[in-house]
Amino acid sequence: MNHPLISRALTSLLGAAALCISLGAAQAQVPQYGSNVTLDQAHKIVAGAAAEARKQALPMAIAVVDTAGMLVAFERMDNTQTGSIGVSQDKAVSAAMYRRPTKVFQDVVAAGGAGLRVLTLRNANAVEGGIPLVVDGKIIGAIGVSGGSAEQDGSVAKAGVDALGK
């Protein structure tokens, strides 16, 4: 049949099917949650981050949370500013709950325009220093670090993530 309504309906149906397939593929690329970070893993992560902070002579607050953003381990180094305690935890929660580094939010906000909408997202932190913890392709929690510049916080958090793989 070559009826215009049937052709349009078929085209719409095929378009919808293609959209569903592409959304499914996009969903598959989003890291999924796995088992929660263990206390032993969290201690290893904190130790790796603290070692890097000491190497850079930076007093830091370091938080590790599980997949729901609940605190598993925390360390506040001597002389760390008190504001960094909550900020480190906020960064970890943001990275765990949104399954992406907080630097992604920082970059989106820095670009301005529609990216400023990030500032309205609950628990989203738009400052580098929060990184999801991934084991076997699954997110098990996140680390959040505060006490230096955004870049320093990010490098110390990355050292914590790297310690998990050792």
Protein backbone atom coordinates (compact mmCIF):
# COMPACT_ATOMS: atom_id res chain seq x y z
CA MET A 1 0.00 0.00 0.00
CA ASN A 2 1.23 3.42 -0.86
CA HIS A 3 -1.18 5.47 1.24
CA PRO A 4 0.27 8.76 2.67
CA LEU A 5 -1.07 8.14 6.21
CA ILE A 6 0.36 4.63 6.30
CA SER A 7 3.71 5.90 4.97
CA ARG A 8 3.82 8.62 7.64
CA ALA A 9 2.84 6.19 10.38
CA LEU A 10 5.49 3.70 9.26
CA THR A 11 8.11 6.45 9.09
CA SER A 12 7.15 7.61 12.60
CA LEU A 13 7.24 4.06 13.92
CA LEU A 14 10.67 3.43 12.41
CA GLY A 15 11.93 6.74 13.79
CA ALA A 16 10.63 5.87 17.26
CA ALA A 17 12.25 2.44 17.06
CA ALA A 18 15.58 4.01 16.08
CA LEU A 19 15.31 6.47 18.97
CA CYS A 20 14.60 3.65 21.44
CA ILE A 21 17.58 1.70 20.15
CA SER A 22 19.89 4.72 20.41
CA LEU A 23 18.63 5.54 23.93
CA GLY A 24 19.22 1.94 24.94
CA ALA A 25 22.76 2.12 23.60
CA ALA A 26 23.34 5.40 25.45
CA GLN A 27 21.98 3.88 28.68
CA ALA A 28 24.31 0.90 28.28
CA GLN A 29 27.28 3.31 28.16
CA VAL A 30 26.40 4.89 31.51
CA PRO A 31 28.38 3.11 34.24
CA GLN A 32 26.03 1.11 36.44
CA TYR A 33 26.28 0.65 40.19
CA GLY A 34 27.96 -2.42 41.61
CA SER A 35 28.58 -3.57 45.17
CA ASN A 36 29.42 -0.83 47.64
CA VAL A 37 33.02 0.10 48.37
CA THR A 38 34.33 -1.90 51.33
CA LEU A 39 35.93 -0.34 54.38
CA ASP A 40 39.29 -1.89 53.42
CA GLN A 41 39.05 -0.42 49.92
CA ALA A 42 38.02 2.96 51.35
CA HIS A 43 41.03 3.00 53.70
CA LYS A 44 43.34 2.18 50.78
CA ILE A 45 41.81 5.03 48.73
CA VAL A 46 42.12 7.53 51.58
CA ALA A 47 45.73 6.47 52.20
CA GLY A 48 46.62 6.96 48.51
CA ALA A 49 45.01 10.39 48.42
CA ALA A 50 46.62 11.45 51.73
CA ALA A 51 50.05 10.36 50.48
CA GLU A 52 49.63 12.57 47.39
CA ALA A 53 48.39 15.49 49.52
CA ARG A 54 51.47 15.17 51.76
CA LYS A 55 53.70 15.01 48.67
CA GLN A 56 52.17 18.31 47.51
CA ALA A 57 52.28 19.74 51.08
CA LEU A 58 48.52 20.32 51.04
CA PRO A 59 46.29 19.87 54.08
CA MET A 60 43.21 18.07 52.75
CA ALA A 61 39.89 16.60 53.76
CA ILE A 62 39.29 13.26 52.03
CA ALA A 63 35.92 11.49 51.94
CA VAL A 64 34.91 8.14 50.48
CA VAL A 65 31.21 7.33 50.08
CA ASP A 66 29.24 4.32 48.90
CA THR A 67 26.95 4.23 45.86
CA ALA A 68 24.16 6.01 47.78
CA GLY A 69 26.50 8.79 48.91
CA MET A 70 26.78 7.55 52.50
CA LEU A 71 30.13 8.14 54.19
CA VAL A 72 32.37 5.07 54.47
CA ALA A 73 35.73 6.64 55.37
CA PHE A 74 36.97 10.14 56.08
CA GLU A 75 40.27 11.78 56.96
CA ARG A 76 40.97 15.38 57.84
CA MET A 77 44.66 16.13 57.75
CA ASP A 78 46.17 18.52 60.32
CA ASN A 79 45.62 22.21 59.50
CA THR A 80 42.90 21.53 56.93
CA GLN A 81 40.41 24.40 56.76
CA THR A 82 37.15 23.42 58.42
CA GLY A 83 35.09 24.33 55.34
CA SER A 84 36.79 21.52 53.44
CA ILE A 85 35.20 18.86 55.66
CA GLY A 86 31.72 19.31 54.21
CA VAL A 87 32.96 20.20 50.74
CA SER A 88 34.94 16.94 50.40
CA GLN A 89 31.84 14.97 51.36
CA ASP A 90 29.65 17.00 48.98
CA LYS A 91 32.04 16.29 46.10
CA ALA A 92 32.04 12.56 46.85
CA VAL A 93 28.23 12.47 47.07
CA SER A 94 27.90 14.33 43.76
CA ALA A 95 30.31 11.98 41.97
CA ALA A 96 28.54 8.88 43.32
CA MET A 97 24.98 10.02 42.76
CA TYR A 98 25.51 11.47 39.27
CA ARG A 99 28.04 8.79 38.24
CA ARG A 100 30.53 11.30 36.87
CA PRO A 101 33.47 13.39 38.09
CA THR A 102 32.57 16.78 39.53
CA LYS A 103 34.95 18.30 36.97
CA VAL A 104 32.28 17.53 34.34
CA PHE A 105 29.87 19.83 36.19
CA GLN A 106 32.63 22.42 36.65
CA ASP A 107 33.29 22.49 32.91
CA VAL A 108 29.59 22.69 32.01
CA VAL A 109 29.04 25.61 34.39
CA ALA A 110 32.18 27.36 33.12
CA ALA A 111 30.77 27.21 29.59
CA GLY A 112 27.77 29.22 30.79
CA GLY A 113 24.45 29.41 28.99
CA ALA A 114 22.25 26.37 29.41
CA GLY A 115 25.05 24.70 31.38
CA LEU A 116 24.22 26.92 34.34
CA ARG A 117 21.19 24.68 34.91
CA VAL A 118 23.60 22.30 36.66
CA LEU A 119 23.52 24.70 39.59
CA THR A 120 19.90 23.73 40.23
CA LEU A 121 20.56 19.99 40.47
CA ARG A 122 20.23 18.59 43.97
CA ASN A 123 23.58 17.40 45.37
CA ALA A 124 25.51 18.45 42.26
CA ASN A 125 28.89 19.95 43.08
CA ALA A 126 30.51 21.92 40.27
CA VAL A 127 34.10 21.96 41.57
CA GLU A 128 36.79 19.44 40.60
CA GLY A 129 37.78 16.93 43.27
CA GLY A 130 35.00 14.31 43.21
CA ILE A 131 35.55 11.11 41.21
CA PRO A 132 33.47 7.92 40.99
CA LEU A 133 35.21 4.71 42.08
CA VAL A 134 34.91 2.04 39.39
CA VAL A 135 35.74 -1.65 39.75
CA ASP A 136 35.06 -4.10 36.92
CA GLY A 137 33.16 -1.39 35.06
CA LYS A 138 30.75 -0.77 37.97
CA ILE A 139 30.60 2.21 40.30
CA ILE A 140 31.19 1.19 43.91
CA GLY A 141 31.25 4.68 45.42
CA ALA A 142 33.22 7.89 45.06
CA ILE A 143 36.00 9.97 46.54
CA GLY A 144 35.80 13.67 47.31
CA VAL A 145 38.75 15.89 48.20
CA SER A 146 38.93 19.51 49.34
CA GLY A 147 41.59 21.81 50.71
CA GLY A 148 43.53 23.10 47.73
CA SER A 149 42.68 24.58 44.37
CA ALA A 150 40.20 22.71 42.20
CA GLU A 151 43.08 21.24 40.18
CA GLN A 152 44.98 20.18 43.32
CA ASP A 153 41.83 18.59 44.75
CA GLY A 154 41.41 16.70 41.46
CA SER A 155 44.98 15.40 41.43
CA VAL A 156 44.75 14.21 45.03
CA ALA A 157 41.40 12.52 44.34
CA LYS A 158 42.91 10.80 41.30
CA ALA A 159 45.76 9.49 43.46
CA GLY A 160 43.14 7.95 45.74
CA VAL A 161 41.40 6.33 42.77
CA ASP A 162 44.75 5.04 41.48
CA ALA A 163 45.52 3.52 44.91
CA LEU A 164 42.39 1.38 44.61
CA GLY A 165 43.84 -0.31 41.51
CA LYS A 166 47.15 -1.17 43.19
